[in-house]
C-alpha atoms as a PDB file:
ATOM      1  CA  MET A   1      48.543  21.547 -62.367  1.00  0.00           C
ATOM      2  CA  ILE A   2      51.655  23.723 -60.409  1.00  0.00           C
ATOM      3  CA  TRP A   3      50.828  28.101 -60.914  1.00  0.00           C
ATOM      4  CA  CYS A   4      54.624  29.770 -60.151  1.00  0.00           C
ATOM      5  CA  TYR A   5      54.910  33.233 -59.677  1.00  0.00           C
ATOM      6  CA  PHE A   6      56.889  35.285 -60.741  1.00  0.00           C
ATOM      7  CA  LEU A   7      58.581  38.995 -59.853  1.00  0.00           C
ATOM      8  CA  PHE A   8      59.726  40.860 -62.535  1.00  0.00           C
ATOM      9  CA  GLU A   9      62.581  44.130 -62.023  1.00  0.00           C
ATOM     10  CA  THR A  10      64.907  45.726 -64.650  1.00  0.00           C
ATOM     11  CA  SER A  11      67.948  46.744 -62.778  1.00  0.00           C
ATOM     12  CA  LYS A  12      69.946  50.113 -63.550  1.00  0.00           C
ATOM     13  CA  SER A  13      71.694  49.249 -66.043  1.00  0.00           C
ATOM     14  CA  GLY A  14      70.035  47.310 -67.890  1.00  0.00           C
ATOM     15  CA  THR A  15      69.494  43.784 -66.586  1.00  0.00           C
ATOM     16  CA  LEU A  16      65.788  42.189 -66.152  1.00  0.00           C
ATOM     17  CA  TRP A  17      65.708  39.899 -63.331  1.00  0.00           C
ATOM     18  CA  TYR A  18      63.070  37.879 -62.538  1.00  0.00           C
ATOM     19  CA  GLN A  19      62.249  36.461 -58.543  1.00  0.00           C
ATOM     20  CA  PHE A  20      60.550  33.724 -57.460  1.00  0.00           C
ATOM     21  CA  SER A  21      57.715  34.737 -55.883  1.00  0.00           C
ATOM     22  CA  SER A  22      55.288  31.918 -54.722  1.00  0.00           C
ATOM     23  CA  CYS A  23      54.036  28.535 -56.138  1.00  0.00           C
ATOM     24  CA  SER A  24      51.008  26.366 -55.407  1.00  0.00           C
ATOM     25  CA  TRP A  25      49.346  22.938 -56.731  1.00  0.00           C
ATOM     26  CA  THR A  26      46.895  22.208 -57.656  1.00  0.00           C
ATOM     27  CA  LYS A  27      44.439  19.402 -57.385  1.00  0.00           C
ATOM     28  CA  MET A  28      42.276  18.678 -60.533  1.00  0.00           C
ATOM     29  CA  THR A  29      39.341  15.672 -59.881  1.00  0.00           C
ATOM     30  CA  MET A  30      37.202  14.954 -64.266  1.00  0.00           C
ATOM     31  CA  LYS A  31      34.886  17.369 -62.333  1.00  0.00           C
ATOM     32  CA  GLN A  32      36.517  20.833 -62.733  1.00  0.00           C
ATOM     33  CA  GLU A  33      35.001  22.460 -60.182  1.00  0.00           C
ATOM     34  CA  GLN A  34      36.218  20.193 -57.438  1.00  0.00           C
ATOM     35  CA  GLU A  35      39.549  21.386 -57.602  1.00  0.00           C
ATOM     36  CA  THR A  36      41.381  22.546 -54.110  1.00  0.00           C
ATOM     37  CA  LYS A  37      44.897  24.852 -54.717  1.00  0.00           C
ATOM     38  CA  THR A  38      47.665  24.243 -51.949  1.00  0.00           C
ATOM     39  CA  PRO A  39      50.278  26.454 -51.344  1.00  0.00           C
ATOM     40  CA  ALA A  40      53.380  25.295 -51.315  1.00  0.00           C
ATOM     41  CA  PRO A  41      56.368  26.898 -50.061  1.00  0.00           C
ATOM     42  CA  THR A  42      57.127  30.286 -50.596  1.00  0.00           C
ATOM     43  CA  THR A  43      61.183  31.029 -51.353  1.00  0.00           C
ATOM     44  CA  HIS A  44      63.097  33.727 -52.546  1.00  0.00           C
ATOM     45  CA  TRP A  45      65.611  34.175 -54.606  1.00  0.00           C
ATOM     46  CA  LYS A  46      66.831  36.157 -57.082  1.00  0.00           C
ATOM     47  CA  LYS A  47      68.260  34.911 -60.790  1.00  0.00           C
ATOM     48  CA  SER A  48      69.846  37.518 -64.046  1.00  0.00           C
ATOM     49  CA  PHE A  49      67.481  36.732 -66.886  1.00  0.00           C
ATOM     50  CA  ASN A  50      70.949  35.580 -68.566  1.00  0.00           C
ATOM     51  CA  GLU A  51      72.218  33.289 -66.267  1.00  0.00           C
ATOM     52  CA  GLN A  52      68.512  31.610 -66.296  1.00  0.00           C
ATOM     53  CA  GLU A  53      69.175  31.667 -70.207  1.00  0.00           C
ATOM     54  CA  GLN A  54      72.197  30.197 -70.085  1.00  0.00           C
ATOM     55  CA  GLU A  55      70.496  27.231 -67.514  1.00  0.00           C
ATOM     56  CA  GLU A  56      67.575  25.974 -70.607  1.00  0.00           C
ATOM     57  CA  ILE A  57      70.962  26.088 -72.544  1.00  0.00           C
ATOM     58  CA  GLU A  58      72.623  23.551 -70.068  1.00  0.00           C
ATOM     59  CA  LEU A  59      69.862  21.508 -70.208  1.00  0.00           C
ATOM     60  CA  SER A  60      69.025  22.148 -73.778  1.00  0.00           C
ATOM     61  CA  ILE A  61      72.364  20.515 -74.535  1.00  0.00           C
ATOM     62  CA  LYS A  62      72.177  17.567 -72.191  1.00  0.00           C
ATOM     63  CA  SER A  63      69.171  17.174 -74.079  1.00  0.00           C
ATOM     64  CA  VAL A  64      70.495  16.424 -77.052  1.00  0.00           C
ATOM     65  CA  LYS A  65      73.271  14.409 -75.660  1.00  0.00           C
ATOM     66  CA  GLU A  66      71.164  11.714 -74.002  1.00  0.00           C
ATOM     67  CA  PHE A  67      69.200  11.391 -77.096  1.00  0.00           C
ATOM     68  CA  SER A  68      72.361  10.601 -79.015  1.00  0.00           C
ATOM     69  CA  GLN A  69      73.152   8.313 -77.236  1.00  0.00           C
ATOM     70  CA  GLU A  70      70.015   5.866 -76.954  1.00  0.00           C
ATOM     71  CA  LEU A  71      70.159   7.151 -81.135  1.00  0.00           C
ATOM     72  CA  GLU A  72      73.518   5.580 -81.149  1.00  0.00           C
ATOM     73  CA  ARG A  73      72.062   2.674 -78.580  1.00  0.00           C
ATOM     74  CA  VAL A  74      69.626   1.498 -80.777  1.00  0.00           C
ATOM     75  CA  ARG A  75      71.026   1.784 -84.153  1.00  0.00           C
ATOM     76  CA  THR A  76      73.457  -0.455 -82.580  1.00  0.00           C
ATOM     77  CA  ALA A  77      71.180  -2.640 -81.447  1.00  0.00           C
ATOM     78  CA  MET A  78      69.202  -2.760 -84.678  1.00  0.00           C
ATOM     79  CA  LYS A  79      72.437  -3.275 -86.357  1.00  0.00           C
ATOM     80  CA  THR A  80      73.282  -6.661 -83.881  1.00  0.00           C
ATOM     81  CA  ARG A  81      70.008  -7.594 -85.022  1.00  0.00           C
ATOM     82  CA  SER A  82      70.584  -7.610 -88.814  1.00  0.00           C
ATOM     83  CA  ASN A  83      73.755  -9.539 -88.037  1.00  0.00           C
ATOM     84  CA  ARG A  84      72.170 -12.497 -86.591  1.00  0.00           C
END
């Protein structure tokens, strides 16, 4: 499991910014009490909320396009099989 921590702040203009604070991963075994947390390297960067939203929208559009292409490939394969 990966844990990421962010710091949020609002600029004077009202833009919401988030800053990546740190990240760690948790190795879990069958017994929860044996988990081990290891801190990951910390990188510092800031991005506006609007930029984050734009990236999420672009990823969603990409996912929809990939799904549509895969669906079209399956439809073509089904038509080819039914024509045999």
